[in-house]
Amino acid sequence: MKRLFFWIVLVPLAGLLVVFAVTNRQGITLDLWPLPFQVDLPLYLALLGTLILGFVVGVVVASVSAAGRRARRARAERDRAGGNAPTVPQPGTDLSLPKGRAP
């Protein structure tokens, strides 16, 4: 089902991108201020490149933001599971079994 949905969305989107690229082939000049460079490229490439760059920046920002939450969640789960408990019993710790349990 997911595959079918993927193809139903992907094929028309790819067709729209091709039509967009073919109809917007005129050249433009991008002035890369404050750098002393100018770049000549087709309009569709400038627009789609900007879209892709924005998507990549958004993914990076979301990943960095989520990394802190994931680390806090993992730390909280370790604390709840007793992951920070000492592995060696401390002096004076009662190591006897609870009453009613046989070894």
C-alpha atoms as a PDB file:
ATOM      1  CA  MET A   1       0.000   0.000   0.000  1.00  0.00           C
ATOM      2  CA  LYS A   2       2.805   2.401   0.878  1.00  0.00           C
ATOM      3  CA  ARG A   3       4.564   1.613  -2.387  1.00  0.00           C
ATOM      4  CA  LEU A   4       1.473   2.338  -4.414  1.00  0.00           C
ATOM      5  CA  PHE A   5       0.968   5.652  -2.627  1.00  0.00           C
ATOM      6  CA  PHE A   6       4.639   6.504  -3.206  1.00  0.00           C
ATOM      7  CA  TRP A   7       4.321   5.957  -6.956  1.00  0.00           C
ATOM      8  CA  ILE A   8       0.966   7.762  -7.166  1.00  0.00           C
ATOM      9  CA  VAL A   9       2.631  10.821  -5.639  1.00  0.00           C
ATOM     10  CA  LEU A  10       6.080  10.495  -7.237  1.00  0.00           C
ATOM     11  CA  VAL A  11       5.104  10.169 -10.911  1.00  0.00           C
ATOM     12  CA  PRO A  12       2.914  13.313 -11.110  1.00  0.00           C
ATOM     13  CA  LEU A  13       5.430  15.300  -9.037  1.00  0.00           C
ATOM     14  CA  ALA A  14       8.284  14.280 -11.339  1.00  0.00           C
ATOM     15  CA  GLY A  15       6.138  15.239 -14.344  1.00  0.00           C
ATOM     16  CA  LEU A  16       5.443  18.656 -12.848  1.00  0.00           C
ATOM     17  CA  LEU A  17       9.147  19.219 -12.202  1.00  0.00           C
ATOM     18  CA  VAL A  18      10.001  18.326 -15.811  1.00  0.00           C
ATOM     19  CA  VAL A  19       7.326  20.665 -17.174  1.00  0.00           C
ATOM     20  CA  PHE A  20       8.532  23.423 -14.833  1.00  0.00           C
ATOM     21  CA  ALA A  21      12.137  22.969 -15.953  1.00  0.00           C
ATOM     22  CA  VAL A  22      11.248  22.986 -19.658  1.00  0.00           C
ATOM     23  CA  THR A  23       9.109  26.123 -19.419  1.00  0.00           C
ATOM     24  CA  ASN A  24      11.623  28.107 -17.315  1.00  0.00           C
ATOM     25  CA  ARG A  25      14.851  27.666 -19.267  1.00  0.00           C
ATOM     26  CA  GLN A  26      15.646  31.381 -19.682  1.00  0.00           C
ATOM     27  CA  GLY A  27      18.940  32.400 -18.156  1.00  0.00           C
ATOM     28  CA  ILE A  28      19.399  34.649 -15.161  1.00  0.00           C
ATOM     29  CA  THR A  29      22.445  36.147 -13.472  1.00  0.00           C
ATOM     30  CA  LEU A  30      22.856  35.682  -9.739  1.00  0.00           C
ATOM     31  CA  ASP A  31      25.052  38.249  -8.021  1.00  0.00           C
ATOM     32  CA  LEU A  32      26.662  36.542  -5.020  1.00  0.00           C
ATOM     33  CA  TRP A  33      27.007  39.627  -2.848  1.00  0.00           C
ATOM     34  CA  PRO A  34      29.280  40.338  -0.880  1.00  0.00           C
ATOM     35  CA  LEU A  35      31.522  38.091  -2.949  1.00  0.00           C
ATOM     36  CA  PRO A  36      32.688  39.515  -6.277  1.00  0.00           C
ATOM     37  CA  PHE A  37      31.153  36.635  -8.266  1.00  0.00           C
ATOM     38  CA  GLN A  38      28.238  36.362 -10.659  1.00  0.00           C
ATOM     39  CA  VAL A  39      26.719  33.089 -11.807  1.00  0.00           C
ATOM     40  CA  ASP A  40      24.697  32.599 -15.000  1.00  0.00           C
ATOM     41  CA  LEU A  41      22.249  29.699 -14.806  1.00  0.00           C
ATOM     42  CA  PRO A  42      18.738  28.750 -15.937  1.00  0.00           C
ATOM     43  CA  LEU A  43      15.799  30.045 -13.879  1.00  0.00           C
ATOM     44  CA  TYR A  44      14.518  26.557 -13.060  1.00  0.00           C
ATOM     45  CA  LEU A  45      17.904  25.582 -11.630  1.00  0.00           C
ATOM     46  CA  ALA A  46      18.017  28.663  -9.405  1.00  0.00           C
ATOM     47  CA  LEU A  47      14.495  28.042  -8.076  1.00  0.00           C
ATOM     48  CA  LEU A  48      14.789  24.285  -7.603  1.00  0.00           C
ATOM     49  CA  GLY A  49      18.283  24.655  -6.126  1.00  0.00           C
ATOM     50  CA  THR A  50      16.948  27.136  -3.582  1.00  0.00           C
ATOM     51  CA  LEU A  51      14.102  24.776  -2.736  1.00  0.00           C
ATOM     52  CA  ILE A  52      16.477  21.835  -2.257  1.00  0.00           C
ATOM     53  CA  LEU A  53      18.907  23.933  -0.200  1.00  0.00           C
ATOM     54  CA  GLY A  54      16.063  25.052   2.079  1.00  0.00           C
ATOM     55  CA  PHE A  55      14.930  21.452   2.504  1.00  0.00           C
ATOM     56  CA  VAL A  56      18.439  20.290   3.432  1.00  0.00           C
ATOM     57  CA  VAL A  57      18.900  23.140   5.924  1.00  0.00           C
ATOM     58  CA  GLY A  58      15.519  22.305   7.485  1.00  0.00           C
ATOM     59  CA  VAL A  59      16.430  18.630   7.846  1.00  0.00           C
ATOM     60  CA  VAL A  60      19.752  19.513   9.489  1.00  0.00           C
ATOM     61  CA  VAL A  61      18.129  21.966  11.923  1.00  0.00           C
ATOM     62  CA  ALA A  62      15.398  19.454  12.818  1.00  0.00           C
ATOM     63  CA  SER A  63      17.980  16.682  13.338  1.00  0.00           C
ATOM     64  CA  VAL A  64      20.150  18.828  15.594  1.00  0.00           C
ATOM     65  CA  SER A  65      17.098  19.939  17.556  1.00  0.00           C
ATOM     66  CA  ALA A  66      15.836  16.367  17.964  1.00  0.00           C
ATOM     67  CA  ALA A  67      19.270  15.078  19.026  1.00  0.00           C
ATOM     68  CA  GLY A  68      19.040  16.891  22.355  1.00  0.00           C
ATOM     69  CA  ARG A  69      15.554  15.521  22.995  1.00  0.00           C
ATOM     70  CA  ARG A  70      16.662  11.996  22.085  1.00  0.00           C
ATOM     71  CA  ALA A  71      19.631  12.224  24.452  1.00  0.00           C
ATOM     72  CA  ARG A  72      17.440  13.478  27.316  1.00  0.00           C
ATOM     73  CA  ARG A  73      14.879  10.724  26.663  1.00  0.00           C
ATOM     74  CA  ALA A  74      17.576   8.033  26.599  1.00  0.00           C
ATOM     75  CA  ARG A  75      19.077   9.377  29.832  1.00  0.00           C
ATOM     76  CA  ALA A  76      15.636   9.387  31.499  1.00  0.00           C
ATOM     77  CA  GLU A  77      14.955   5.817  30.356  1.00  0.00           C
ATOM     78  CA  ARG A  78      18.325   4.668  31.710  1.00  0.00           C
ATOM     79  CA  ASP A  79      17.571   6.340  35.043  1.00  0.00           C
ATOM     80  CA  ARG A  80      14.116   4.718  35.211  1.00  0.00           C
ATOM     81  CA  ALA A  81      15.555   1.293  34.334  1.00  0.00           C
ATOM     82  CA  GLY A  82      18.253   1.633  36.959  1.00  0.00           C
ATOM     83  CA  GLY A  83      21.044   1.978  34.426  1.00  0.00           C
ATOM     84  CA  ASN A  84      22.925   4.351  36.716  1.00  0.00           C
ATOM     85  CA  ALA A  85      22.798   1.976  39.691  1.00  0.00           C
ATOM     86  CA  PRO A  86      26.196   0.828  40.933  1.00  0.00           C
ATOM     87  CA  THR A  87      27.217  -2.596  39.674  1.00  0.00           C
ATOM     88  CA  VAL A  88      29.197  -3.431  42.817  1.00  0.00           C
ATOM     89  CA  PRO A  89      27.266  -3.450  46.110  1.00  0.00           C
ATOM     90  CA  GLN A  90      28.239  -0.672  48.458  1.00  0.00           C
ATOM     91  CA  PRO A  91      29.451  -1.563  51.971  1.00  0.00           C
ATOM     92  CA  GLY A  92      26.563  -2.181  54.337  1.00  0.00           C
ATOM     93  CA  THR A  93      24.155  -3.229  51.563  1.00  0.00           C
ATOM     94  CA  ASP A  94      21.781  -6.028  52.527  1.00  0.00           C
ATOM     95  CA  LEU A  95      22.203  -8.742  49.884  1.00  0.00           C
ATOM     96  CA  SER A  96      19.657 -11.164  51.353  1.00  0.00           C
ATOM     97  CA  LEU A  97      16.699 -12.249  49.254  1.00  0.00           C
ATOM     98  CA  PRO A  98      13.291 -10.747  49.988  1.00  0.00           C
ATOM     99  CA  LYS A  99      11.120 -12.795  52.349  1.00  0.00           C
ATOM    100  CA  GLY A 100       9.042 -15.495  50.690  1.00  0.00           C
ATOM    101  CA  ARG A 101      11.423 -16.068  47.764  1.00  0.00           C
ATOM    102  CA  ALA A 102      13.537 -19.165  47.470  1.00  0.00           C
ATOM    103  CA  PRO A 103      16.822 -19.120  45.518  1.00  0.00           C
END
